[in-house]
């Protein structure tokens, strides 16, 4: 079996937690090189994960002839340039969610992938519903919910509740762009359950702490919302999404799919799926156990490279769809009064 040799551009939290150990466990995969934000941090990552080579410039990873695939774990504002360059150089690409910092960049990435159909181009999928996706898909497709009437998603955390906390990249429009909290990450699973795409009717957003200081003490004006509600429709069904990063207490991630016959409810963090029929009967639905909560990103990426099988979770076309939704919400929320 021919080895798959991987170079890493960026080694943030998810790369160190998931990708580096995940790839290291796959037979025939070699971790060749890493280029993080600094040479010192690259050396620390290399030492921790047994990587022989470090680079001070990400372009050297892409240019290296002994690298077959690139794992990009940097901020969204860098994804389009890096992924485009890697694909043009004939590398397979796995890029961290969120896809890009703007819809225009996402379109450029999708075009770059389309120009290289012989290369695998994959985005790290939303993990919230991976273990329940198959069951939810079957419930929707079976018709047991009846005609769909309402689709809702709620995601809340206390990530930015502290007004004195330092600015994070998720709040920095220069780095994160139009990505708003977990909006795209919550929308993506619904693309797995329903056909078509949602349409945005109205979006209302609020920034609770308008000024924050970064780690160096410089003050920044916050433009990425900390509260957000989205109204729209998905076919004939009403769509409602709510997001907050300023809610105290445990985080919540809840989906409800209401039909004429029954309502399906999934609490992603509690890992509980239930269905309540219109006659009031309420039953829990068993979610079959899957290893690692359904996380198999690294295995799926390597399998696509070796077999040529198309990417399902998540290809650049699907990423473009959630970026189009994110952009529609951003545009409406920022529309002049």
C-alpha atoms as a PDB file:
ATOM      1  CA  UNK A   1       0.000   0.000   0.000  1.00  0.00           C
ATOM      2  CA  UNK A   2       1.458   3.298  -1.112  1.00  0.00           C
ATOM      3  CA  UNK A   3       1.915   5.637   1.873  1.00  0.00           C
ATOM      4  CA  UNK A   4      -0.039   8.886   2.099  1.00  0.00           C
ATOM      5  CA  UNK A   5       2.304  11.638   3.246  1.00  0.00           C
ATOM      6  CA  UNK A   6       0.693  14.589   5.010  1.00  0.00           C
ATOM      7  CA  UNK A   7       1.902  18.103   5.732  1.00  0.00           C
ATOM      8  CA  UNK A   8       0.208  20.286   8.329  1.00  0.00           C
ATOM      9  CA  UNK A   9      -0.383  24.010   7.917  1.00  0.00           C
ATOM     10  CA  UNK A  10      -1.415  25.351  11.290  1.00  0.00           C
ATOM     11  CA  UNK A  11      -1.661  23.227  14.403  1.00  0.00           C
ATOM     12  CA  UNK A  12      -4.425  24.756  16.485  1.00  0.00           C
ATOM     13  CA  UNK A  13      -6.553  23.054  19.099  1.00  0.00           C
ATOM     14  CA  UNK A  14      -8.597  20.784  16.836  1.00  0.00           C
ATOM     15  CA  UNK A  15      -5.559  19.768  14.782  1.00  0.00           C
ATOM     16  CA  UNK A  16      -3.697  18.680  17.895  1.00  0.00           C
ATOM     17  CA  UNK A  17      -6.764  17.097  19.479  1.00  0.00           C
ATOM     18  CA  UNK A  18      -8.180  15.318  16.434  1.00  0.00           C
ATOM     19  CA  UNK A  19      -6.201  15.411  13.205  1.00  0.00           C
ATOM     20  CA  UNK A  20      -2.624  14.743  14.261  1.00  0.00           C
ATOM     21  CA  UNK A  21      -3.418  11.751  16.508  1.00  0.00           C
ATOM     22  CA  UNK A  22      -6.128  10.581  14.105  1.00  0.00           C
ATOM     23  CA  UNK A  23      -3.822  10.442  11.109  1.00  0.00           C
ATOM     24  CA  UNK A  24      -1.017   8.925  13.201  1.00  0.00           C
ATOM     25  CA  UNK A  25      -3.224   5.898  13.947  1.00  0.00           C
ATOM     26  CA  UNK A  26      -3.894   5.061  10.287  1.00  0.00           C
ATOM     27  CA  UNK A  27      -1.628   2.460   8.721  1.00  0.00           C
ATOM     28  CA  UNK A  28       0.391   3.765   5.811  1.00  0.00           C
ATOM     29  CA  UNK A  29      -0.021   7.443   6.711  1.00  0.00           C
ATOM     30  CA  UNK A  30       3.104   9.495   7.356  1.00  0.00           C
ATOM     31  CA  UNK A  31       3.177  12.838   9.211  1.00  0.00           C
ATOM     32  CA  UNK A  32       5.899  14.552   7.197  1.00  0.00           C
ATOM     33  CA  UNK A  33       6.081  18.230   8.120  1.00  0.00           C
ATOM     34  CA  UNK A  34       4.385  21.076   9.971  1.00  0.00           C
ATOM     35  CA  UNK A  35       4.305  24.859   9.599  1.00  0.00           C
ATOM     36  CA  UNK A  36       2.611  26.598  12.487  1.00  0.00           C
ATOM     37  CA  UNK A  37       2.444  30.327  13.279  1.00  0.00           C
ATOM     38  CA  UNK A  38       6.043  30.392  14.500  1.00  0.00           C
ATOM     39  CA  UNK A  39       9.071  28.179  14.104  1.00  0.00           C
ATOM     40  CA  UNK A  40       9.146  27.602  17.862  1.00  0.00           C
ATOM     41  CA  UNK A  41       5.531  26.432  17.996  1.00  0.00           C
ATOM     42  CA  UNK A  42       6.135  24.238  14.945  1.00  0.00           C
ATOM     43  CA  UNK A  43       9.052  22.609  16.727  1.00  0.00           C
ATOM     44  CA  UNK A  44       6.926  21.945  19.816  1.00  0.00           C
ATOM     45  CA  UNK A  45       4.217  20.287  17.721  1.00  0.00           C
ATOM     46  CA  UNK A  46       6.791  18.255  15.793  1.00  0.00           C
ATOM     47  CA  UNK A  47       8.356  17.000  19.008  1.00  0.00           C
ATOM     48  CA  UNK A  48       4.985  16.071  20.500  1.00  0.00           C
ATOM     49  CA  UNK A  49       3.770  14.102  17.486  1.00  0.00           C
ATOM     50  CA  UNK A  50       7.028  12.698  16.132  1.00  0.00           C
ATOM     51  CA  UNK A  51       7.191  14.845  12.994  1.00  0.00           C
ATOM     52  CA  UNK A  52      10.697  15.062  11.543  1.00  0.00           C
ATOM     53  CA  UNK A  53      10.508  18.371   9.677  1.00  0.00           C
ATOM     54  CA  UNK A  54       9.292  21.909  10.372  1.00  0.00           C
ATOM     55  CA  UNK A  55       8.879  24.865   8.026  1.00  0.00           C
ATOM     56  CA  UNK A  56       8.669  28.575   8.724  1.00  0.00           C
ATOM     57  CA  UNK A  57       6.418  29.261   5.710  1.00  0.00           C
ATOM     58  CA  UNK A  58       3.253  27.355   4.760  1.00  0.00           C
ATOM     59  CA  UNK A  59       4.143  27.680   1.077  1.00  0.00           C
ATOM     60  CA  UNK A  60       7.057  25.328   1.650  1.00  0.00           C
ATOM     61  CA  UNK A  61       4.608  22.631   2.762  1.00  0.00           C
ATOM     62  CA  UNK A  62       2.664  22.999  -0.477  1.00  0.00           C
ATOM     63  CA  UNK A  63       5.788  23.058  -2.629  1.00  0.00           C
ATOM     64  CA  UNK A  64       7.321  19.957  -1.014  1.00  0.00           C
ATOM     65  CA  UNK A  65       7.447  17.047  -3.447  1.00  0.00           C
ATOM     66  CA  UNK A  66       7.351  14.465  -0.639  1.00  0.00           C
ATOM     67  CA  UNK A  67       3.911  15.635   0.565  1.00  0.00           C
ATOM     68  CA  UNK A  68       0.741  14.193  -0.984  1.00  0.00           C
ATOM     69  CA  UNK A  69      -1.911  15.861   1.143  1.00  0.00           C
ATOM     70  CA  UNK A  70      -2.264  18.984   3.248  1.00  0.00           C
ATOM     71  CA  UNK A  71      -4.245  19.453   6.458  1.00  0.00           C
ATOM     72  CA  UNK A  72      -5.082  23.146   6.925  1.00  0.00           C
ATOM     73  CA  UNK A  73      -5.867  24.080  10.525  1.00  0.00           C
ATOM     74  CA  UNK A  74      -5.589  27.866  10.369  1.00  0.00           C
ATOM     75  CA  UNK A  75      -8.105  30.711  10.687  1.00  0.00           C
ATOM     76  CA  UNK A  76     -10.932  30.997   8.106  1.00  0.00           C
ATOM     77  CA  UNK A  77      -9.433  34.085   6.426  1.00  0.00           C
ATOM     78  CA  UNK A  78      -6.479  31.982   5.207  1.00  0.00           C
ATOM     79  CA  UNK A  79      -8.363  28.944   3.921  1.00  0.00           C
ATOM     80  CA  UNK A  80      -9.102  30.112   0.378  1.00  0.00           C
ATOM     81  CA  UNK A  81      -5.525  31.051  -0.470  1.00  0.00           C
ATOM     82  CA  UNK A  82      -3.999  27.960   1.110  1.00  0.00           C
ATOM     83  CA  UNK A  83      -6.523  25.450  -0.208  1.00  0.00           C
ATOM     84  CA  UNK A  84      -6.411  26.947  -3.686  1.00  0.00           C
ATOM     85  CA  UNK A  85      -2.621  26.829  -3.775  1.00  0.00           C
ATOM     86  CA  UNK A  86      -2.545  23.250  -2.480  1.00  0.00           C
ATOM     87  CA  UNK A  87      -5.053  22.008  -5.059  1.00  0.00           C
ATOM     88  CA  UNK A  88      -3.231  23.805  -7.859  1.00  0.00           C
ATOM     89  CA  UNK A  89      -0.040  22.072  -6.745  1.00  0.00           C
ATOM     90  CA  UNK A  90      -1.759  18.680  -6.964  1.00  0.00           C
ATOM     91  CA  UNK A  91      -2.220  18.110  -3.244  1.00  0.00           C
ATOM     92  CA  UNK A  92      -5.264  16.589  -1.573  1.00  0.00           C
ATOM     93  CA  UNK A  93      -6.756  19.032   0.942  1.00  0.00           C
ATOM     94  CA  UNK A  94      -8.488  18.719   4.298  1.00  0.00           C
ATOM     95  CA  UNK A  95      -9.443  22.146   5.608  1.00  0.00           C
ATOM     96  CA  UNK A  96     -10.796  23.010   9.031  1.00  0.00           C
ATOM     97  CA  UNK A  97     -14.321  24.347   9.375  1.00  0.00           C
ATOM     98  CA  UNK A  98     -15.418  27.064   8.962  1.00  0.00           C
ATOM     99  CA  UNK A  99     -14.911  26.914   5.194  1.00  0.00           C
ATOM    100  CA  UNK A 100     -13.849  30.515   4.536  1.00  0.00           C
ATOM    101  CA  UNK A 101     -14.252  34.046   5.828  1.00  0.00           C
ATOM    102  CA  UNK A 102     -16.569  35.181   3.016  1.00  0.00           C
ATOM    103  CA  UNK A 103     -18.895  33.820   0.367  1.00  0.00           C
ATOM    104  CA  UNK A 104     -16.545  35.048  -2.375  1.00  0.00           C
ATOM    105  CA  UNK A 105     -13.676  33.059  -0.858  1.00  0.00           C
ATOM    106  CA  UNK A 106     -15.883  29.965  -0.552  1.00  0.00           C
ATOM    107  CA  UNK A 107     -16.791  30.263  -4.229  1.00  0.00           C
ATOM    108  CA  UNK A 108     -13.101  30.479  -5.116  1.00  0.00           C
ATOM    109  CA  UNK A 109     -12.421  27.330  -3.082  1.00  0.00           C
ATOM    110  CA  UNK A 110     -15.265  25.448  -4.752  1.00  0.00           C
ATOM    111  CA  UNK A 111     -13.952  26.502  -8.167  1.00  0.00           C
ATOM    112  CA  UNK A 112     -10.428  25.349  -7.249  1.00  0.00           C
ATOM    113  CA  UNK A 113     -11.786  21.955  -6.199  1.00  0.00           C
ATOM    114  CA  UNK A 114     -13.856  21.651  -9.374  1.00  0.00           C
ATOM    115  CA  UNK A 115     -10.737  22.358 -11.428  1.00  0.00           C
ATOM    116  CA  UNK A 116      -8.970  19.395  -9.777  1.00  0.00           C
ATOM    117  CA  UNK A 117     -11.529  16.562  -9.666  1.00  0.00           C
ATOM    118  CA  UNK A 118      -8.617  14.132  -9.315  1.00  0.00           C
ATOM    119  CA  UNK A 119      -7.791  15.568  -5.881  1.00  0.00           C
ATOM    120  CA  UNK A 120      -9.753  15.110  -2.659  1.00  0.00           C
ATOM    121  CA  UNK A 121     -11.048  18.395  -1.243  1.00  0.00           C
ATOM    122  CA  UNK A 122     -12.739  17.988   2.134  1.00  0.00           C
ATOM    123  CA  UNK A 123     -13.919  20.297   4.905  1.00  0.00           C
ATOM    124  CA  UNK A 124     -14.035  19.103   8.501  1.00  0.00           C
ATOM    125  CA  UNK A 125     -17.754  18.443   9.079  1.00  0.00           C
ATOM    126  CA  UNK A 126     -19.945  19.789  11.829  1.00  0.00           C
ATOM    127  CA  UNK A 127     -19.630  17.232  14.639  1.00  0.00           C
ATOM    128  CA  UNK A 128     -22.798  18.057  16.581  1.00  0.00           C
ATOM    129  CA  UNK A 129     -25.062  15.393  15.069  1.00  0.00           C
ATOM    130  CA  UNK A 130     -22.707  12.837  13.510  1.00  0.00           C
ATOM    131  CA  UNK A 131     -23.843   9.888  15.620  1.00  0.00           C
ATOM    132  CA  UNK A 132     -27.548  10.677  15.142  1.00  0.00           C
ATOM    133  CA  UNK A 133     -27.564  11.736  11.478  1.00  0.00           C
ATOM    134  CA  UNK A 134     -28.567   8.348  10.053  1.00  0.00           C
ATOM    135  CA  UNK A 135     -31.484   7.978  12.469  1.00  0.00           C
ATOM    136  CA  UNK A 136     -32.715  11.538  11.890  1.00  0.00           C
ATOM    137  CA  UNK A 137     -32.457  11.090   8.114  1.00  0.00           C
ATOM    138  CA  UNK A 138     -34.562   7.923   8.305  1.00  0.00           C
ATOM    139  CA  UNK A 139     -37.200   9.565  10.498  1.00  0.00           C
ATOM    140  CA  UNK A 140     -37.541  12.470   8.055  1.00  0.00           C
ATOM    141  CA  UNK A 141     -37.491  10.288   4.930  1.00  0.00           C
ATOM    142  CA  UNK A 142     -39.948   7.715   6.303  1.00  0.00           C
ATOM    143  CA  UNK A 143     -42.803  10.211   6.434  1.00  0.00           C
ATOM    144  CA  UNK A 144     -43.655   9.351  10.038  1.00  0.00           C
ATOM    145  CA  UNK A 145     -43.376  13.037  10.979  1.00  0.00           C
ATOM    146  CA  UNK A 146     -45.890  13.950   8.302  1.00  0.00           C
ATOM    147  CA  UNK A 147     -45.662  17.112   6.257  1.00  0.00           C
ATOM    148  CA  UNK A 148     -42.894  19.273   7.706  1.00  0.00           C
ATOM    149  CA  UNK A 149     -44.156  22.484   9.304  1.00  0.00           C
ATOM    150  CA  UNK A 150     -41.316  23.905  11.414  1.00  0.00           C
ATOM    151  CA  UNK A 151     -37.552  23.377  11.682  1.00  0.00           C
ATOM    152  CA  UNK A 152     -35.719  24.963  14.595  1.00  0.00           C
ATOM    153  CA  UNK A 153     -32.184  25.037  15.946  1.00  0.00           C
ATOM    154  CA  UNK A 154     -30.929  26.547  19.190  1.00  0.00           C
ATOM    155  CA  UNK A 155     -27.273  26.861  20.153  1.00  0.00           C
ATOM    156  CA  UNK A 156     -26.132  28.731  23.257  1.00  0.00           C
ATOM    157  CA  UNK A 157     -22.868  29.023  25.181  1.00  0.00           C
ATOM    158  CA  UNK A 158     -21.276  31.419  27.656  1.00  0.00           C
ATOM    159  CA  UNK A 159     -18.163  31.803  25.466  1.00  0.00           C
ATOM    160  CA  UNK A 160     -18.276  35.634  25.420  1.00  0.00           C
ATOM    161  CA  UNK A 161     -20.279  36.230  28.600  1.00  0.00           C
ATOM    162  CA  UNK A 162     -17.290  37.756  30.405  1.00  0.00           C
ATOM    163  CA  UNK A 163     -16.933  41.336  29.103  1.00  0.00           C
ATOM    164  CA  UNK A 164     -13.316  41.462  30.263  1.00  0.00           C
ATOM    165  CA  UNK A 165     -12.225  38.326  28.413  1.00  0.00           C
ATOM    166  CA  UNK A 166      -9.673  38.837  25.646  1.00  0.00           C
ATOM    167  CA  UNK A 167     -10.727  38.991  22.028  1.00  0.00           C
ATOM    168  CA  UNK A 168     -10.799  35.548  20.404  1.00  0.00           C
ATOM    169  CA  UNK A 169     -10.369  34.807  16.708  1.00  0.00           C
ATOM    170  CA  UNK A 170     -14.057  33.855  16.525  1.00  0.00           C
ATOM    171  CA  UNK A 171     -14.968  37.450  17.428  1.00  0.00           C
ATOM    172  CA  UNK A 172     -12.395  39.029  15.128  1.00  0.00           C
ATOM    173  CA  UNK A 173     -13.957  39.808  11.747  1.00  0.00           C
ATOM    174  CA  UNK A 174     -10.481  40.100  10.201  1.00  0.00           C
ATOM    175  CA  UNK A 175      -9.891  36.410  10.954  1.00  0.00           C
ATOM    176  CA  UNK A 176     -13.352  34.867  11.075  1.00  0.00           C
ATOM    177  CA  UNK A 177     -15.113  37.049   8.514  1.00  0.00           C
ATOM    178  CA  UNK A 178     -18.868  36.593   8.281  1.00  0.00           C
ATOM    179  CA  UNK A 179     -18.913  33.425  10.379  1.00  0.00           C
ATOM    180  CA  UNK A 180     -21.191  34.074  13.328  1.00  0.00           C
ATOM    181  CA  UNK A 181     -20.827  31.913  16.421  1.00  0.00           C
ATOM    182  CA  UNK A 182     -21.894  28.356  15.479  1.00  0.00           C
ATOM    183  CA  UNK A 183     -24.410  29.367  12.814  1.00  0.00           C
ATOM    184  CA  UNK A 184     -22.841  27.527   9.879  1.00  0.00           C
ATOM    185  CA  UNK A 185     -21.898  24.581  12.066  1.00  0.00           C
ATOM    186  CA  UNK A 186     -25.542  24.257  13.179  1.00  0.00           C
ATOM    187  CA  UNK A 187     -26.926  24.730   9.672  1.00  0.00           C
ATOM    188  CA  UNK A 188     -24.677  22.149   7.989  1.00  0.00           C
ATOM    189  CA  UNK A 189     -26.290  19.056   9.622  1.00  0.00           C
ATOM    190  CA  UNK A 190     -29.678  20.118   8.310  1.00  0.00           C
ATOM    191  CA  UNK A 191     -28.281  19.866   4.782  1.00  0.00           C
ATOM    192  CA  UNK A 192     -27.828  16.157   5.551  1.00  0.00           C
ATOM    193  CA  UNK A 193     -31.469  15.700   6.571  1.00  0.00           C
ATOM    194  CA  UNK A 194     -33.448  17.789   4.089  1.00  0.00           C
ATOM    195  CA  UNK A 195     -33.363  18.378   0.355  1.00  0.00           C
ATOM    196  CA  UNK A 196     -32.713  21.849  -1.018  1.00  0.00           C
ATOM    197  CA  UNK A 197     -31.603  24.863   0.993  1.00  0.00           C
ATOM    198  CA  UNK A 198     -33.160  27.281   3.443  1.00  0.00           C
ATOM    199  CA  UNK A 199     -34.192  30.804   2.485  1.00  0.00           C
ATOM    200  CA  UNK A 200     -33.597  33.678   4.920  1.00  0.00           C
ATOM    201  CA  UNK A 201     -36.497  36.032   5.579  1.00  0.00           C
ATOM    202  CA  UNK A 202     -35.072  38.104   8.428  1.00  0.00           C
ATOM    203  CA  UNK A 203     -32.126  38.150  10.798  1.00  0.00           C
ATOM    204  CA  UNK A 204     -31.703  40.144  13.993  1.00  0.00           C
ATOM    205  CA  UNK A 205     -28.324  40.393  15.684  1.00  0.00           C
ATOM    206  CA  UNK A 206     -26.812  42.110  18.708  1.00  0.00           C
ATOM    207  CA  UNK A 207     -23.334  42.694  20.084  1.00  0.00           C
ATOM    208  CA  UNK A 208     -23.417  42.675  23.881  1.00  0.00           C
ATOM    209  CA  UNK A 209     -19.821  43.793  24.528  1.00  0.00           C
ATOM    210  CA  UNK A 210     -18.936  46.248  21.731  1.00  0.00           C
ATOM    211  CA  UNK A 211     -15.254  46.694  22.660  1.00  0.00           C
ATOM    212  CA  UNK A 212     -12.694  44.080  23.605  1.00  0.00           C
ATOM    213  CA  UNK A 213      -8.939  44.019  24.018  1.00  0.00           C
ATOM    214  CA  UNK A 214      -6.754  41.434  22.348  1.00  0.00           C
ATOM    215  CA  UNK A 215      -3.941  39.529  24.041  1.00  0.00           C
ATOM    216  CA  UNK A 216      -1.598  42.484  23.424  1.00  0.00           C
ATOM    217  CA  UNK A 217      -3.959  44.982  25.044  1.00  0.00           C
ATOM    218  CA  UNK A 218      -5.150  46.644  21.828  1.00  0.00           C
ATOM    219  CA  UNK A 219      -8.811  47.567  21.739  1.00  0.00           C
ATOM    220  CA  UNK A 220     -11.090  46.319  18.958  1.00  0.00           C
ATOM    221  CA  UNK A 221     -14.660  47.107  17.959  1.00  0.00           C
ATOM    222  CA  UNK A 222     -16.732  43.925  17.835  1.00  0.00           C
ATOM    223  CA  UNK A 223     -18.917  43.413  14.762  1.00  0.00           C
ATOM    224  CA  UNK A 224     -19.626  39.684  14.974  1.00  0.00           C
ATOM    225  CA  UNK A 225     -22.907  39.196  16.867  1.00  0.00           C
ATOM    226  CA  UNK A 226     -23.177  37.590  20.281  1.00  0.00           C
ATOM    227  CA  UNK A 227     -26.928  37.075  19.935  1.00  0.00           C
ATOM    228  CA  UNK A 228     -28.658  36.133  16.699  1.00  0.00           C
ATOM    229  CA  UNK A 229     -32.098  35.000  15.568  1.00  0.00           C
ATOM    230  CA  UNK A 230     -32.875  33.903  12.025  1.00  0.00           C
ATOM    231  CA  UNK A 231     -36.319  33.478  10.470  1.00  0.00           C
ATOM    232  CA  UNK A 232     -36.883  31.845   7.136  1.00  0.00           C
ATOM    233  CA  UNK A 233     -38.320  28.789   5.470  1.00  0.00           C
ATOM    234  CA  UNK A 234     -37.185  25.457   4.115  1.00  0.00           C
ATOM    235  CA  UNK A 235     -39.609  24.542   1.400  1.00  0.00           C
ATOM    236  CA  UNK A 236     -43.038  24.813   3.026  1.00  0.00           C
ATOM    237  CA  UNK A 237     -41.651  24.569   6.560  1.00  0.00           C
ATOM    238  CA  UNK A 238     -40.886  27.561   8.762  1.00  0.00           C
ATOM    239  CA  UNK A 239     -37.233  27.844   9.798  1.00  0.00           C
ATOM    240  CA  UNK A 240     -36.120  29.380  13.086  1.00  0.00           C
ATOM    241  CA  UNK A 241     -32.533  29.470  14.347  1.00  0.00           C
ATOM    242  CA  UNK A 242     -31.181  31.117  17.470  1.00  0.00           C
ATOM    243  CA  UNK A 243     -27.583  31.590  18.571  1.00  0.00           C
ATOM    244  CA  UNK A 244     -26.067  33.101  21.685  1.00  0.00           C
ATOM    245  CA  UNK A 245     -22.561  33.178  23.135  1.00  0.00           C
ATOM    246  CA  UNK A 246     -23.630  35.144  26.235  1.00  0.00           C
ATOM    247  CA  UNK A 247     -25.962  32.681  27.956  1.00  0.00           C
ATOM    248  CA  UNK A 248     -24.779  31.584  31.428  1.00  0.00           C
ATOM    249  CA  UNK A 249     -24.803  27.940  32.343  1.00  0.00           C
ATOM    250  CA  UNK A 250     -24.305  24.744  30.382  1.00  0.00           C
ATOM    251  CA  UNK A 251     -24.155  24.993  26.600  1.00  0.00           C
ATOM    252  CA  UNK A 252     -27.208  23.871  24.615  1.00  0.00           C
ATOM    253  CA  UNK A 253     -27.548  22.501  21.091  1.00  0.00           C
ATOM    254  CA  UNK A 254     -31.110  21.458  20.319  1.00  0.00           C
ATOM    255  CA  UNK A 255     -32.934  20.696  17.083  1.00  0.00           C
ATOM    256  CA  UNK A 256     -36.680  20.285  16.610  1.00  0.00           C
ATOM    257  CA  UNK A 257     -38.379  19.082  13.436  1.00  0.00           C
ATOM    258  CA  UNK A 258     -42.142  19.499  13.645  1.00  0.00           C
ATOM    259  CA  UNK A 259     -44.428  17.690  11.259  1.00  0.00           C
ATOM    260  CA  UNK A 260     -48.182  17.276  10.912  1.00  0.00           C
ATOM    261  CA  UNK A 261     -48.004  13.916  12.713  1.00  0.00           C
ATOM    262  CA  UNK A 262     -45.111  14.219  15.147  1.00  0.00           C
ATOM    263  CA  UNK A 263     -42.174  16.329  16.327  1.00  0.00           C
ATOM    264  CA  UNK A 264     -38.614  15.021  16.429  1.00  0.00           C
ATOM    265  CA  UNK A 265     -36.316  16.551  19.054  1.00  0.00           C
ATOM    266  CA  UNK A 266     -32.571  16.066  19.319  1.00  0.00           C
ATOM    267  CA  UNK A 267     -30.488  17.359  22.216  1.00  0.00           C
ATOM    268  CA  UNK A 268     -26.991  17.082  20.764  1.00  0.00           C
ATOM    269  CA  UNK A 269     -25.079  17.622  23.997  1.00  0.00           C
ATOM    270  CA  UNK A 270     -27.268  15.262  26.029  1.00  0.00           C
ATOM    271  CA  UNK A 271     -27.258  12.806  23.097  1.00  0.00           C
ATOM    272  CA  UNK A 272     -31.020  12.332  23.426  1.00  0.00           C
ATOM    273  CA  UNK A 273     -33.404  11.825  20.523  1.00  0.00           C
ATOM    274  CA  UNK A 274     -37.162  11.667  21.043  1.00  0.00           C
ATOM    275  CA  UNK A 275     -40.381  11.842  19.059  1.00  0.00           C
ATOM    276  CA  UNK A 276     -43.691  13.223  20.287  1.00  0.00           C
ATOM    277  CA  UNK A 277     -46.785  12.509  18.249  1.00  0.00           C
ATOM    278  CA  UNK A 278     -49.774  14.838  17.984  1.00  0.00           C
ATOM    279  CA  UNK A 279     -51.774  12.561  20.326  1.00  0.00           C
ATOM    280  CA  UNK A 280     -49.240  13.300  23.083  1.00  0.00           C
ATOM    281  CA  UNK A 281     -47.334  10.026  23.023  1.00  0.00           C
ATOM    282  CA  UNK A 282     -43.644  10.630  23.671  1.00  0.00           C
ATOM    283  CA  UNK A 283     -40.960   8.030  23.026  1.00  0.00           C
ATOM    284  CA  UNK A 284     -37.198   7.992  23.162  1.00  0.00           C
ATOM    285  CA  UNK A 285     -35.355   6.810  20.090  1.00  0.00           C
ATOM    286  CA  UNK A 286     -32.206   4.790  20.544  1.00  0.00           C
ATOM    287  CA  UNK A 287     -29.125   6.126  18.813  1.00  0.00           C
ATOM    288  CA  UNK A 288     -26.905   3.179  17.851  1.00  0.00           C
ATOM    289  CA  UNK A 289     -23.440   3.358  19.324  1.00  0.00           C
ATOM    290  CA  UNK A 290     -20.779   4.440  16.879  1.00  0.00           C
ATOM    291  CA  UNK A 291     -17.073   4.777  17.714  1.00  0.00           C
ATOM    292  CA  UNK A 292     -15.857   8.243  18.733  1.00  0.00           C
ATOM    293  CA  UNK A 293     -19.347   9.693  18.497  1.00  0.00           C
ATOM    294  CA  UNK A 294     -19.302   9.261  14.730  1.00  0.00           C
ATOM    295  CA  UNK A 295     -16.039  11.160  14.254  1.00  0.00           C
ATOM    296  CA  UNK A 296     -14.100   9.513  11.406  1.00  0.00           C
ATOM    297  CA  UNK A 297     -12.794  12.543   9.515  1.00  0.00           C
ATOM    298  CA  UNK A 298      -9.218  11.405   9.131  1.00  0.00           C
ATOM    299  CA  UNK A 299     -10.183   7.863   8.077  1.00  0.00           C
ATOM    300  CA  UNK A 300     -12.704   9.191   5.546  1.00  0.00           C
ATOM    301  CA  UNK A 301     -10.158  11.589   4.055  1.00  0.00           C
ATOM    302  CA  UNK A 302      -7.543   8.864   3.595  1.00  0.00           C
ATOM    303  CA  UNK A 303     -10.167   6.420   2.269  1.00  0.00           C
ATOM    304  CA  UNK A 304     -11.206   8.925  -0.394  1.00  0.00           C
ATOM    305  CA  UNK A 305      -7.581   9.451  -1.422  1.00  0.00           C
ATOM    306  CA  UNK A 306      -6.949   5.709  -1.715  1.00  0.00           C
ATOM    307  CA  UNK A 307     -10.215   4.653  -3.329  1.00  0.00           C
ATOM    308  CA  UNK A 308     -11.259   7.728  -5.253  1.00  0.00           C
ATOM    309  CA  UNK A 309     -14.646   7.610  -3.502  1.00  0.00           C
ATOM    310  CA  UNK A 310     -16.351  11.006  -3.338  1.00  0.00           C
ATOM    311  CA  UNK A 311     -16.324  12.979  -0.103  1.00  0.00           C
ATOM    312  CA  UNK A 312     -19.631  13.010   1.736  1.00  0.00           C
ATOM    313  CA  UNK A 313     -18.681  14.790   4.979  1.00  0.00           C
ATOM    314  CA  UNK A 314     -18.052  17.469   3.865  1.00  0.00           C
ATOM    315  CA  UNK A 315     -17.225  18.396   0.270  1.00  0.00           C
ATOM    316  CA  UNK A 316     -16.548  21.949  -0.915  1.00  0.00           C
ATOM    317  CA  UNK A 317     -19.936  22.162  -2.655  1.00  0.00           C
ATOM    318  CA  UNK A 318     -21.724  21.553   0.633  1.00  0.00           C
ATOM    319  CA  UNK A 319     -19.422  24.025   2.352  1.00  0.00           C
ATOM    320  CA  UNK A 320     -20.375  26.615  -0.248  1.00  0.00           C
ATOM    321  CA  UNK A 321     -24.036  26.009   0.564  1.00  0.00           C
ATOM    322  CA  UNK A 322     -23.603  26.714   4.274  1.00  0.00           C
ATOM    323  CA  UNK A 323     -21.453  29.745   3.467  1.00  0.00           C
ATOM    324  CA  UNK A 324     -24.226  31.056   1.189  1.00  0.00           C
ATOM    325  CA  UNK A 325     -26.685  30.734   4.078  1.00  0.00           C
ATOM    326  CA  UNK A 326     -24.226  32.381   6.485  1.00  0.00           C
ATOM    327  CA  UNK A 327     -23.755  35.237   4.028  1.00  0.00           C
ATOM    328  CA  UNK A 328     -27.518  35.730   3.587  1.00  0.00           C
ATOM    329  CA  UNK A 329     -27.912  35.981   7.364  1.00  0.00           C
ATOM    330  CA  UNK A 330     -24.993  38.405   7.622  1.00  0.00           C
ATOM    331  CA  UNK A 331     -26.353  40.634   4.869  1.00  0.00           C
ATOM    332  CA  UNK A 332     -29.833  40.801   6.376  1.00  0.00           C
ATOM    333  CA  UNK A 333     -28.578  41.376   9.917  1.00  0.00           C
ATOM    334  CA  UNK A 334     -26.411  44.258   8.688  1.00  0.00           C
ATOM    335  CA  UNK A 335     -28.978  45.814   6.371  1.00  0.00           C
ATOM    336  CA  UNK A 336     -29.421  49.545   7.037  1.00  0.00           C
ATOM    337  CA  UNK A 337     -32.523  50.317   9.059  1.00  0.00           C
END
